[in-house]
Structure formats: C-alpha cells, structure tokens
Amino acid sequence: MPLVATGEIVGPAVRAGLGAGAFNVIQIEHAQAIVAGAEAAGAPVILQISENAVRYHGALAAIGRAAVEVAAAARVPVAVHLDHATDPALVREAVGLGFGSVMFDASALDYTANVAATAEVAADCRARGVWVEAELGEVGGKDGVHAPGARTDPAEAAAYVAATGVDALAVAVGTSHAMLVKEAVVDLGLVAALRAAVPVPLVLHGSSGVPEADLTRAVEAGLTKVNIATHLNVAYTRAIRDHLAAHPEAVDPRRYVAAAREAVAREVARLLPLLRAVAP
C-alpha cells in the first residue's frame, strides 16, 4: 500500500468520531513494530519522528527515508510525520523526503511571533500539499515554557487557527510529556469546548501519562490525533532487560532488539482500539 498523507488518516477519523494513533520512531525497529501492530489491529497509523530523534541520529535523512520505506511497504494506510520541529529548514527537509505532515512547534514564542512563524511554515507546506500541525498553549513535560498546568483557551485557539491556516492543533488539556506513570487528568470539558470552537482536528500530546480508559474518553470528547512515545519506549526497554536477564550470554543485538520490536508491536495493536482508531 502506498504511503498516505496524514490528512487521509486524520480527516476520516474526525468525520467518524474516531481516533488516529501517532507513535514516535527512534530507531528503524520502532517503525517496523508500529506498522506491524497497526497491521495486526487492521488500523491506519502515523509514524512520527521528532526533532529530538533527528538530533540523536545526527541528521534526518537516514531515519526519515527508513520510515518512509517502512510505511510504503505496509498493508494498512501509514503516514509519516515530523514531530515538534522548531527549525523551518528541518520542515523543508522532511517535506522533501516525502513526509505527509509536520508539527511546527513555535510555542516557545509569544503569541504574535508564534502566529507569524507558523503562518509562514503553513503557507509553504500548503503549497506542497503537506498537512501542518501547530501548538498553542504549552503541553507539559518540556523545559522552559512548558508547564504541566497549562491550558489552551478555546477562543484564542480558534483565532490562532484562523490566523495561521494550520490543519491541526495540539492543545494543552492536562497532559505532560515523558510521563512514566498514568496519572494525567485530561480536562474533558475543555476538550469538548475546544472541539466546538476550533474547526480543525485536535491533537493530544503527552498521552503516555493518561489512564487508558481516559484515552478512549478523550477521543470521544473530541480529540482525534493521539501521540504516544514514552509508553512504547517503556515496553521496548523492558523487553530488552527481560531478554538479557533470561539470556545473560546474549551479545547479538538482533536477538534482544527483536524482542523489543515484538513487544512494541503488541502494544500498538492493543492501544489502537482504545484510541478508537479501529471502527467499533
């Protein structure tokens, strides 16, 4: 099945009241596992590569091309997305590699500067047929401006979308990035208010810290694209630790990384129905 644009996954999900799972890729095994899990669930999926992952690899091209190739070989619709990019040059590179969408994160800027920078990126991407996500309000778990108590104001969010022309909006509704425990409380009333006020799909970042039943409720309240990273990294790392504990003689990374890849695939297959990414 050919690589699809992110809007081809998120748009139908919005219209059907379903969710769209977006999972972060760090190594090629993450991409393979996420696609395998989506195939097992019979659901579309979004592969995300963050600016932090690009920094880890030293460049986007190798891991970006790998993700695009894995997506293009999938038996379900798969899109590739650039996550939390702060550099317009990185956005342009991702578009050139065939990414169907980007998340341009100018949330560290004040409102006026955020609007100006995001509108410029959105216009450039729109001319190339690429879907743009942006952020208003600070999703927690990052250094600097990101605060766990931040909340997105519905009226400001609607004005921001109108001013920037973005295709989706990441909102601050109670989650925080990099949480290892599921203690985040999603403000479902705020989600519903944002859904009523904002004419584009809403995105939930920091979803690893949300109790799983609340992920379903969040989608039902109006969130569509649900980003998950840390939860999969926990499964990946636990599988490696368990394999090495059971096989202390192991030295071939293909053995223990394969165990991690299988664990991530199982989690993706389990999570996608919770996100209502599979039609009930």
C-alpha atoms as a PDB file:
ATOM      1  CA  MET A   1       0.000   0.000   0.000  1.00  0.00           C
ATOM      2  CA  PRO A   2       1.482   3.392  -0.903  1.00  0.00           C
ATOM      3  CA  LEU A   3       2.449   5.955   1.718  1.00  0.00           C
ATOM      4  CA  VAL A   4      -0.556   8.164   2.530  1.00  0.00           C
ATOM      5  CA  ALA A   5      -0.894  11.778   3.599  1.00  0.00           C
ATOM      6  CA  THR A   6      -1.657  12.355   7.275  1.00  0.00           C
ATOM      7  CA  GLY A   7      -4.866  14.135   6.362  1.00  0.00           C
ATOM      8  CA  GLU A   8      -6.084  10.929   4.697  1.00  0.00           C
ATOM      9  CA  ILE A   9      -5.953   9.268   8.114  1.00  0.00           C
ATOM     10  CA  VAL A  10      -6.994  12.121  10.395  1.00  0.00           C
ATOM     11  CA  GLY A  11      -9.736  13.589   8.200  1.00  0.00           C
ATOM     12  CA  PRO A  12     -11.866  10.427   8.016  1.00  0.00           C
ATOM     13  CA  ALA A  13     -11.276   9.825  11.727  1.00  0.00           C
ATOM     14  CA  VAL A  14     -12.692  13.254  12.572  1.00  0.00           C
ATOM     15  CA  ARG A  15     -15.761  12.683  10.431  1.00  0.00           C
ATOM     16  CA  ALA A  16     -16.391   9.275  12.025  1.00  0.00           C
ATOM     17  CA  GLY A  17     -15.663  10.371  15.589  1.00  0.00           C
ATOM     18  CA  LEU A  18     -12.679   8.029  15.780  1.00  0.00           C
ATOM     19  CA  GLY A  19      -9.087   8.466  16.878  1.00  0.00           C
ATOM     20  CA  ALA A  20      -5.829   8.283  14.935  1.00  0.00           C
ATOM     21  CA  GLY A  21      -2.801   6.766  16.638  1.00  0.00           C
ATOM     22  CA  ALA A  22       0.530   8.543  16.155  1.00  0.00           C
ATOM     23  CA  PHE A  23       3.579   6.759  17.571  1.00  0.00           C
ATOM     24  CA  ASN A  24       7.140   8.027  17.783  1.00  0.00           C
ATOM     25  CA  VAL A  25      10.002   6.394  15.918  1.00  0.00           C
ATOM     26  CA  ILE A  26      13.539   6.486  17.296  1.00  0.00           C
ATOM     27  CA  GLN A  27      15.113   3.521  15.519  1.00  0.00           C
ATOM     28  CA  ILE A  28      14.040   1.607  12.435  1.00  0.00           C
ATOM     29  CA  GLU A  29      12.765  -1.188  14.694  1.00  0.00           C
ATOM     30  CA  HIS A  30      10.235   1.258  16.152  1.00  0.00           C
ATOM     31  CA  ALA A  31       8.864   1.959  12.676  1.00  0.00           C
ATOM     32  CA  GLN A  32       8.691  -1.757  11.859  1.00  0.00           C
ATOM     33  CA  ALA A  33       6.982  -2.541  15.163  1.00  0.00           C
ATOM     34  CA  ILE A  34       4.421   0.251  14.877  1.00  0.00           C
ATOM     35  CA  VAL A  35       3.442  -0.839  11.386  1.00  0.00           C
ATOM     36  CA  ALA A  36       3.261  -4.496  12.453  1.00  0.00           C
ATOM     37  CA  GLY A  37       0.972  -3.529  15.328  1.00  0.00           C
ATOM     38  CA  ALA A  38      -1.242  -1.467  13.042  1.00  0.00           C
ATOM     39  CA  GLU A  39      -1.483  -4.337  10.582  1.00  0.00           C
ATOM     40  CA  ALA A  40      -2.469  -6.707  13.406  1.00  0.00           C
ATOM     41  CA  ALA A  41      -5.168  -4.243  14.504  1.00  0.00           C
ATOM     42  CA  GLY A  42      -6.299  -3.536  10.945  1.00  0.00           C
ATOM     43  CA  ALA A  43      -5.951   0.198  11.574  1.00  0.00           C
ATOM     44  CA  PRO A  44      -4.184   3.113   9.902  1.00  0.00           C
ATOM     45  CA  VAL A  45      -1.301   4.637  11.813  1.00  0.00           C
ATOM     46  CA  ILE A  46       1.050   7.624  11.828  1.00  0.00           C
ATOM     47  CA  LEU A  47       4.825   7.242  12.264  1.00  0.00           C
ATOM     48  CA  GLN A  48       6.364  10.287  13.947  1.00  0.00           C
ATOM     49  CA  ILE A  49       9.992  11.391  14.041  1.00  0.00           C
ATOM     50  CA  SER A  50      10.728  14.194  16.481  1.00  0.00           C
ATOM     51  CA  GLU A  51      13.389  16.847  16.259  1.00  0.00           C
ATOM     52  CA  ASN A  52      14.960  15.199  19.312  1.00  0.00           C
ATOM     53  CA  ALA A  53      15.197  11.892  17.415  1.00  0.00           C
ATOM     54  CA  VAL A  54      16.778  13.729  14.478  1.00  0.00           C
ATOM     55  CA  ARG A  55      19.337  15.172  16.883  1.00  0.00           C
ATOM     56  CA  TYR A  56      20.056  11.667  18.223  1.00  0.00           C
ATOM     57  CA  HIS A  57      20.741  10.373  14.694  1.00  0.00           C
ATOM     58  CA  GLY A  58      22.702  13.471  13.727  1.00  0.00           C
ATOM     59  CA  ALA A  59      20.514  14.068  10.675  1.00  0.00           C
ATOM     60  CA  LEU A  60      17.016  13.365   9.399  1.00  0.00           C
ATOM     61  CA  ALA A  61      17.746  11.678   6.070  1.00  0.00           C
ATOM     62  CA  ALA A  62      18.648   8.129   7.139  1.00  0.00           C
ATOM     63  CA  ILE A  63      15.894   7.524   9.702  1.00  0.00           C
ATOM     64  CA  GLY A  64      13.426   9.596   7.667  1.00  0.00           C
ATOM     65  CA  ARG A  65      13.967   7.586   4.493  1.00  0.00           C
ATOM     66  CA  ALA A  66      13.762   4.357   6.501  1.00  0.00           C
ATOM     67  CA  ALA A  67      10.405   5.374   7.986  1.00  0.00           C
ATOM     68  CA  VAL A  68       9.058   6.318   4.558  1.00  0.00           C
ATOM     69  CA  GLU A  69      10.136   2.950   3.125  1.00  0.00           C
ATOM     70  CA  VAL A  70       8.593   1.013   6.026  1.00  0.00           C
ATOM     71  CA  ALA A  71       5.357   2.982   5.603  1.00  0.00           C
ATOM     72  CA  ALA A  72       5.241   2.412   1.859  1.00  0.00           C
ATOM     73  CA  ALA A  73       5.521  -1.371   2.327  1.00  0.00           C
ATOM     74  CA  ALA A  74       2.688  -1.577   4.892  1.00  0.00           C
ATOM     75  CA  ARG A  75      -0.597  -3.424   4.363  1.00  0.00           C
ATOM     76  CA  VAL A  76      -2.551  -0.628   6.100  1.00  0.00           C
ATOM     77  CA  PRO A  77      -2.509   3.136   5.462  1.00  0.00           C
ATOM     78  CA  VAL A  78       0.578   4.679   7.080  1.00  0.00           C
ATOM     79  CA  ALA A  79       1.638   8.330   7.140  1.00  0.00           C
ATOM     80  CA  VAL A  80       4.985   9.787   8.203  1.00  0.00           C
ATOM     81  CA  HIS A  81       5.047  12.930  10.331  1.00  0.00           C
ATOM     82  CA  LEU A  82       7.751  15.284  11.640  1.00  0.00           C
ATOM     83  CA  ASP A  83       7.075  15.953  15.332  1.00  0.00           C
ATOM     84  CA  HIS A  84       7.935  19.064  17.390  1.00  0.00           C
ATOM     85  CA  ALA A  85      10.096  20.725  14.757  1.00  0.00           C
ATOM     86  CA  THR A  86      11.322  24.188  15.678  1.00  0.00           C
ATOM     87  CA  ASP A  87      13.520  24.742  12.615  1.00  0.00           C
ATOM     88  CA  PRO A  88      11.832  25.629   9.302  1.00  0.00           C
ATOM     89  CA  ALA A  89      14.828  24.166   7.462  1.00  0.00           C
ATOM     90  CA  LEU A  90      14.131  20.786   9.063  1.00  0.00           C
ATOM     91  CA  VAL A  91      10.493  21.094   7.988  1.00  0.00           C
ATOM     92  CA  ARG A  92      11.552  21.694   4.395  1.00  0.00           C
ATOM     93  CA  GLU A  93      13.891  18.697   4.511  1.00  0.00           C
ATOM     94  CA  ALA A  94      11.109  16.442   5.822  1.00  0.00           C
ATOM     95  CA  VAL A  95       8.783  17.584   3.056  1.00  0.00           C
ATOM     96  CA  GLY A  96      11.479  16.808   0.515  1.00  0.00           C
ATOM     97  CA  LEU A  97      11.850  13.280   1.920  1.00  0.00           C
ATOM     98  CA  GLY A  98       8.154  12.580   1.406  1.00  0.00           C
ATOM     99  CA  PHE A  99       6.709  13.241   4.873  1.00  0.00           C
ATOM    100  CA  GLY A 100       2.983  13.854   4.626  1.00  0.00           C
ATOM    101  CA  SER A 101       2.802  16.231   7.581  1.00  0.00           C
ATOM    102  CA  VAL A 102       4.834  18.257  10.045  1.00  0.00           C
ATOM    103  CA  MET A 103       4.238  19.605  13.524  1.00  0.00           C
ATOM    104  CA  PHE A 104       5.837  23.047  13.683  1.00  0.00           C
ATOM    105  CA  ASP A 105       6.307  23.991  17.319  1.00  0.00           C
ATOM    106  CA  ALA A 106       6.622  27.724  17.892  1.00  0.00           C
ATOM    107  CA  SER A 107       5.024  27.551  21.348  1.00  0.00           C
ATOM    108  CA  ALA A 108       8.178  28.918  23.000  1.00  0.00           C
ATOM    109  CA  LEU A 109       7.496  32.232  21.247  1.00  0.00           C
ATOM    110  CA  ASP A 110       4.977  34.824  22.337  1.00  0.00           C
ATOM    111  CA  TYR A 111       1.589  34.677  20.649  1.00  0.00           C
ATOM    112  CA  THR A 112       2.301  37.231  17.907  1.00  0.00           C
ATOM    113  CA  ALA A 113       5.651  35.682  16.974  1.00  0.00           C
ATOM    114  CA  ASN A 114       4.164  32.178  17.117  1.00  0.00           C
ATOM    115  CA  VAL A 115       1.418  33.195  14.683  1.00  0.00           C
ATOM    116  CA  ALA A 116       3.858  34.831  12.270  1.00  0.00           C
ATOM    117  CA  ALA A 117       6.326  31.922  12.210  1.00  0.00           C
ATOM    118  CA  THR A 118       3.645  29.253  11.999  1.00  0.00           C
ATOM    119  CA  ALA A 119       1.687  31.021   9.261  1.00  0.00           C
ATOM    120  CA  GLU A 120       4.819  31.208   7.122  1.00  0.00           C
ATOM    121  CA  VAL A 121       5.550  27.482   7.547  1.00  0.00           C
ATOM    122  CA  ALA A 122       1.901  26.571   6.952  1.00  0.00           C
ATOM    123  CA  ALA A 123       1.730  28.561   3.723  1.00  0.00           C
ATOM    124  CA  ASP A 124       4.932  26.978   2.429  1.00  0.00           C
ATOM    125  CA  CYS A 125       3.743  23.461   3.297  1.00  0.00           C
ATOM    126  CA  ARG A 126       0.272  24.015   1.879  1.00  0.00           C
ATOM    127  CA  ALA A 127       1.820  24.907  -1.461  1.00  0.00           C
ATOM    128  CA  ARG A 128       3.470  21.458  -1.391  1.00  0.00           C
ATOM    129  CA  GLY A 129       0.359  19.569  -0.300  1.00  0.00           C
ATOM    130  CA  VAL A 130       1.693  18.904   3.200  1.00  0.00           C
ATOM    131  CA  TRP A 131      -0.510  18.968   6.320  1.00  0.00           C
ATOM    132  CA  VAL A 132       0.662  21.189   9.229  1.00  0.00           C
ATOM    133  CA  GLU A 133       0.047  20.756  12.948  1.00  0.00           C
ATOM    134  CA  ALA A 134       0.933  23.503  15.413  1.00  0.00           C
ATOM    135  CA  GLU A 135       0.747  24.102  19.151  1.00  0.00           C
ATOM    136  CA  LEU A 136      -0.928  26.760  21.234  1.00  0.00           C
ATOM    137  CA  GLY A 137      -0.614  26.649  24.994  1.00  0.00           C
ATOM    138  CA  GLU A 138       2.242  24.704  26.476  1.00  0.00           C
ATOM    139  CA  VAL A 139       1.973  20.939  26.699  1.00  0.00           C
ATOM    140  CA  GLY A 140       3.877  19.956  29.829  1.00  0.00           C
ATOM    141  CA  GLY A 141       6.988  17.881  30.286  1.00  0.00           C
ATOM    142  CA  LYS A 142       9.407  20.065  28.342  1.00  0.00           C
ATOM    143  CA  ASP A 143      11.939  22.507  29.710  1.00  0.00           C
ATOM    144  CA  GLY A 144      11.340  26.248  29.633  1.00  0.00           C
ATOM    145  CA  VAL A 145       7.872  27.390  28.630  1.00  0.00           C
ATOM    146  CA  HIS A 146       6.143  24.029  29.016  1.00  0.00           C
ATOM    147  CA  ALA A 147       4.168  23.846  32.253  1.00  0.00           C
ATOM    148  CA  PRO A 148       2.008  20.896  33.366  1.00  0.00           C
ATOM    149  CA  GLY A 149      -0.784  23.226  34.437  1.00  0.00           C
ATOM    150  CA  ALA A 150      -1.066  24.999  31.096  1.00  0.00           C
ATOM    151  CA  ARG A 151      -4.445  25.067  29.354  1.00  0.00           C
ATOM    152  CA  THR A 152      -5.433  26.176  25.861  1.00  0.00           C
ATOM    153  CA  ASP A 153      -8.127  28.843  25.703  1.00  0.00           C
ATOM    154  CA  PRO A 154     -10.849  27.935  23.143  1.00  0.00           C
ATOM    155  CA  ALA A 155     -11.356  31.467  21.820  1.00  0.00           C
ATOM    156  CA  GLU A 156      -7.632  32.042  21.449  1.00  0.00           C
ATOM    157  CA  ALA A 157      -7.267  28.644  19.783  1.00  0.00           C
ATOM    158  CA  ALA A 158      -9.942  29.493  17.194  1.00  0.00           C
ATOM    159  CA  ALA A 159      -8.278  32.832  16.463  1.00  0.00           C
ATOM    160  CA  TYR A 160      -4.874  31.153  16.182  1.00  0.00           C
ATOM    161  CA  VAL A 161      -6.102  28.594  13.652  1.00  0.00           C
ATOM    162  CA  ALA A 162      -7.739  31.331  11.577  1.00  0.00           C
ATOM    163  CA  ALA A 163      -4.568  33.441  11.657  1.00  0.00           C
ATOM    164  CA  THR A 164      -2.119  30.658  10.824  1.00  0.00           C
ATOM    165  CA  GLY A 165      -4.091  28.422   8.474  1.00  0.00           C
ATOM    166  CA  VAL A 166      -2.859  25.226  10.158  1.00  0.00           C
ATOM    167  CA  ASP A 167      -4.534  21.876   9.545  1.00  0.00           C
ATOM    168  CA  ALA A 168      -4.497  20.591  13.152  1.00  0.00           C
ATOM    169  CA  LEU A 169      -3.891  21.984  16.610  1.00  0.00           C
ATOM    170  CA  ALA A 170      -2.070  20.412  19.558  1.00  0.00           C
ATOM    171  CA  VAL A 171      -3.773  21.585  22.730  1.00  0.00           C
ATOM    172  CA  ALA A 172      -2.867  21.717  26.399  1.00  0.00           C
ATOM    173  CA  VAL A 173      -5.645  19.933  28.307  1.00  0.00           C
ATOM    174  CA  GLY A 174      -3.841  18.369  31.276  1.00  0.00           C
ATOM    175  CA  THR A 175      -1.217  16.053  29.844  1.00  0.00           C
ATOM    176  CA  SER A 176       2.553  16.188  30.136  1.00  0.00           C
ATOM    177  CA  HIS A 177       5.320  14.727  28.001  1.00  0.00           C
ATOM    178  CA  ALA A 178       7.566  11.867  29.156  1.00  0.00           C
ATOM    179  CA  MET A 179       5.329  10.637  31.989  1.00  0.00           C
ATOM    180  CA  LEU A 180       6.185   7.160  33.306  1.00  0.00           C
ATOM    181  CA  VAL A 181       3.029   6.843  35.398  1.00  0.00           C
ATOM    182  CA  LYS A 182      -0.552   7.153  34.164  1.00  0.00           C
ATOM    183  CA  GLU A 183      -1.694   9.946  36.440  1.00  0.00           C
ATOM    184  CA  ALA A 184      -2.556  12.730  33.991  1.00  0.00           C
ATOM    185  CA  VAL A 185      -6.102  14.037  34.223  1.00  0.00           C
ATOM    186  CA  VAL A 186      -7.495  15.143  30.881  1.00  0.00           C
ATOM    187  CA  ASP A 187      -9.912  18.074  31.153  1.00  0.00           C
ATOM    188  CA  LEU A 188     -12.704  16.538  29.074  1.00  0.00           C
ATOM    189  CA  GLY A 189     -14.896  19.610  29.452  1.00  0.00           C
ATOM    190  CA  LEU A 190     -12.149  21.744  27.947  1.00  0.00           C
ATOM    191  CA  VAL A 191     -11.680  19.209  25.149  1.00  0.00           C
ATOM    192  CA  ALA A 192     -15.364  19.490  24.279  1.00  0.00           C
ATOM    193  CA  ALA A 193     -15.183  23.294  24.358  1.00  0.00           C
ATOM    194  CA  LEU A 194     -12.134  23.283  22.102  1.00  0.00           C
ATOM    195  CA  ARG A 195     -13.809  20.848  19.712  1.00  0.00           C
ATOM    196  CA  ALA A 196     -16.802  23.191  19.471  1.00  0.00           C
ATOM    197  CA  ALA A 197     -14.645  26.280  18.917  1.00  0.00           C
ATOM    198  CA  VAL A 198     -11.845  25.018  16.666  1.00  0.00           C
ATOM    199  CA  PRO A 199     -12.582  23.961  13.061  1.00  0.00           C
ATOM    200  CA  VAL A 200      -9.542  21.666  12.649  1.00  0.00           C
ATOM    201  CA  PRO A 201      -8.640  18.327  14.284  1.00  0.00           C
ATOM    202  CA  LEU A 202      -7.307  18.452  17.834  1.00  0.00           C
ATOM    203  CA  VAL A 203      -4.120  16.647  18.857  1.00  0.00           C
ATOM    204  CA  LEU A 204      -3.251  15.191  22.262  1.00  0.00           C
ATOM    205  CA  HIS A 205       0.442  15.188  23.161  1.00  0.00           C
ATOM    206  CA  GLY A 206       1.814  13.520  26.297  1.00  0.00           C
ATOM    207  CA  SER A 207      -0.679  10.658  26.022  1.00  0.00           C
ATOM    208  CA  SER A 208       1.587   8.094  27.704  1.00  0.00           C
ATOM    209  CA  GLY A 209       0.636   9.552  31.088  1.00  0.00           C
ATOM    210  CA  VAL A 210      -3.123   9.185  30.551  1.00  0.00           C
ATOM    211  CA  PRO A 211      -5.028   6.217  32.055  1.00  0.00           C
ATOM    212  CA  GLU A 212      -6.076   4.026  29.164  1.00  0.00           C
ATOM    213  CA  ALA A 213      -9.828   4.323  29.733  1.00  0.00           C
ATOM    214  CA  ASP A 214      -9.398   8.095  29.662  1.00  0.00           C
ATOM    215  CA  LEU A 215      -7.714   7.897  26.269  1.00  0.00           C
ATOM    216  CA  THR A 216     -10.955   6.483  24.901  1.00  0.00           C
ATOM    217  CA  ARG A 217     -12.962   9.186  26.692  1.00  0.00           C
ATOM    218  CA  ALA A 218     -10.644  11.893  25.314  1.00  0.00           C
ATOM    219  CA  VAL A 219     -11.266  10.720  21.753  1.00  0.00           C
ATOM    220  CA  GLU A 220     -14.999  10.569  22.412  1.00  0.00           C
ATOM    221  CA  ALA A 221     -14.842  14.140  23.770  1.00  0.00           C
ATOM    222  CA  GLY A 222     -13.265  15.450  20.579  1.00  0.00           C
ATOM    223  CA  LEU A 223      -9.526  14.725  20.375  1.00  0.00           C
ATOM    224  CA  THR A 224      -8.503  12.930  17.189  1.00  0.00           C
ATOM    225  CA  LYS A 225      -4.732  12.517  16.735  1.00  0.00           C
ATOM    226  CA  VAL A 226      -3.253  10.902  19.846  1.00  0.00           C
ATOM    227  CA  ASN A 227       0.537  10.924  20.210  1.00  0.00           C
ATOM    228  CA  ILE A 228       2.259   8.150  22.153  1.00  0.00           C
ATOM    229  CA  ALA A 229       6.017   7.807  22.650  1.00  0.00           C
ATOM    230  CA  THR A 230       7.174   7.128  26.211  1.00  0.00           C
ATOM    231  CA  HIS A 231       4.758   4.234  26.738  1.00  0.00           C
ATOM    232  CA  LEU A 232       6.287   2.383  23.794  1.00  0.00           C
ATOM    233  CA  ASN A 233       9.810   3.149  24.990  1.00  0.00           C
ATOM    234  CA  VAL A 234       8.947   1.579  28.341  1.00  0.00           C
ATOM    235  CA  ALA A 235       7.771  -1.596  26.589  1.00  0.00           C
ATOM    236  CA  TYR A 236      10.828  -1.592  24.314  1.00  0.00           C
ATOM    237  CA  THR A 237      13.294  -1.215  27.180  1.00  0.00           C
ATOM    238  CA  ARG A 238      11.538  -3.712  29.452  1.00  0.00           C
ATOM    239  CA  ALA A 239      11.660  -6.371  26.731  1.00  0.00           C
ATOM    240  CA  ILE A 240      15.401  -5.873  26.280  1.00  0.00           C
ATOM    241  CA  ARG A 241      16.013  -6.035  30.027  1.00  0.00           C
ATOM    242  CA  ASP A 242      13.930  -9.202  30.325  1.00  0.00           C
ATOM    243  CA  HIS A 243      15.685 -10.851  27.396  1.00  0.00           C
ATOM    244  CA  LEU A 244      19.156 -10.055  28.722  1.00  0.00           C
ATOM    245  CA  ALA A 245      18.208 -11.229  32.214  1.00  0.00           C
ATOM    246  CA  ALA A 246      16.994 -14.530  30.785  1.00  0.00           C
ATOM    247  CA  HIS A 247      19.946 -14.833  28.395  1.00  0.00           C
ATOM    248  CA  PRO A 248      23.000 -13.298  30.106  1.00  0.00           C
ATOM    249  CA  GLU A 249      25.243 -14.779  27.431  1.00  0.00           C
ATOM    250  CA  ALA A 250      23.484 -12.812  24.660  1.00  0.00           C
ATOM    251  CA  VAL A 251      25.679 -10.499  22.603  1.00  0.00           C
ATOM    252  CA  ASP A 252      23.791 -10.363  19.280  1.00  0.00           C
ATOM    253  CA  PRO A 253      21.591  -7.230  19.282  1.00  0.00           C
ATOM    254  CA  ARG A 254      19.326  -8.841  16.699  1.00  0.00           C
ATOM    255  CA  ARG A 255      18.116 -11.182  19.443  1.00  0.00           C
ATOM    256  CA  TYR A 256      17.254  -8.676  22.137  1.00  0.00           C
ATOM    257  CA  VAL A 257      16.160  -5.853  19.830  1.00  0.00           C
ATOM    258  CA  ALA A 258      13.841  -8.309  18.088  1.00  0.00           C
ATOM    259  CA  ALA A 259      12.215  -8.967  21.465  1.00  0.00           C
ATOM    260  CA  ALA A 260      11.762  -5.214  21.908  1.00  0.00           C
ATOM    261  CA  ARG A 261      10.283  -4.855  18.433  1.00  0.00           C
ATOM    262  CA  GLU A 262       7.758  -7.605  19.136  1.00  0.00           C
ATOM    263  CA  ALA A 263       6.789  -6.011  22.457  1.00  0.00           C
ATOM    264  CA  VAL A 264       6.152  -2.649  20.815  1.00  0.00           C
ATOM    265  CA  ALA A 265       4.091  -4.263  18.050  1.00  0.00           C
ATOM    266  CA  ARG A 266       1.883  -5.927  20.663  1.00  0.00           C
ATOM    267  CA  GLU A 267       1.357  -2.637  22.479  1.00  0.00           C
ATOM    268  CA  VAL A 268       0.451  -0.758  19.299  1.00  0.00           C
ATOM    269  CA  ALA A 269      -2.051  -3.478  18.360  1.00  0.00           C
ATOM    270  CA  ARG A 270      -3.567  -3.243  21.845  1.00  0.00           C
ATOM    271  CA  LEU A 271      -3.660   0.558  22.017  1.00  0.00           C
ATOM    272  CA  LEU A 272      -5.183   1.368  18.629  1.00  0.00           C
ATOM    273  CA  PRO A 273      -8.658   0.022  19.546  1.00  0.00           C
ATOM    274  CA  LEU A 274      -8.500   2.003  22.825  1.00  0.00           C
ATOM    275  CA  LEU A 275      -7.930   5.138  20.745  1.00  0.00           C
ATOM    276  CA  ARG A 276     -10.954   4.166  18.637  1.00  0.00           C
ATOM    277  CA  ALA A 277      -8.582   4.080  15.663  1.00  0.00           C
ATOM    278  CA  VAL A 278     -10.402   0.901  14.670  1.00  0.00           C
ATOM    279  CA  ALA A 279     -14.067   1.429  13.881  1.00  0.00           C
ATOM    280  CA  PRO A 280     -16.191  -0.166  16.641  1.00  0.00           C
END
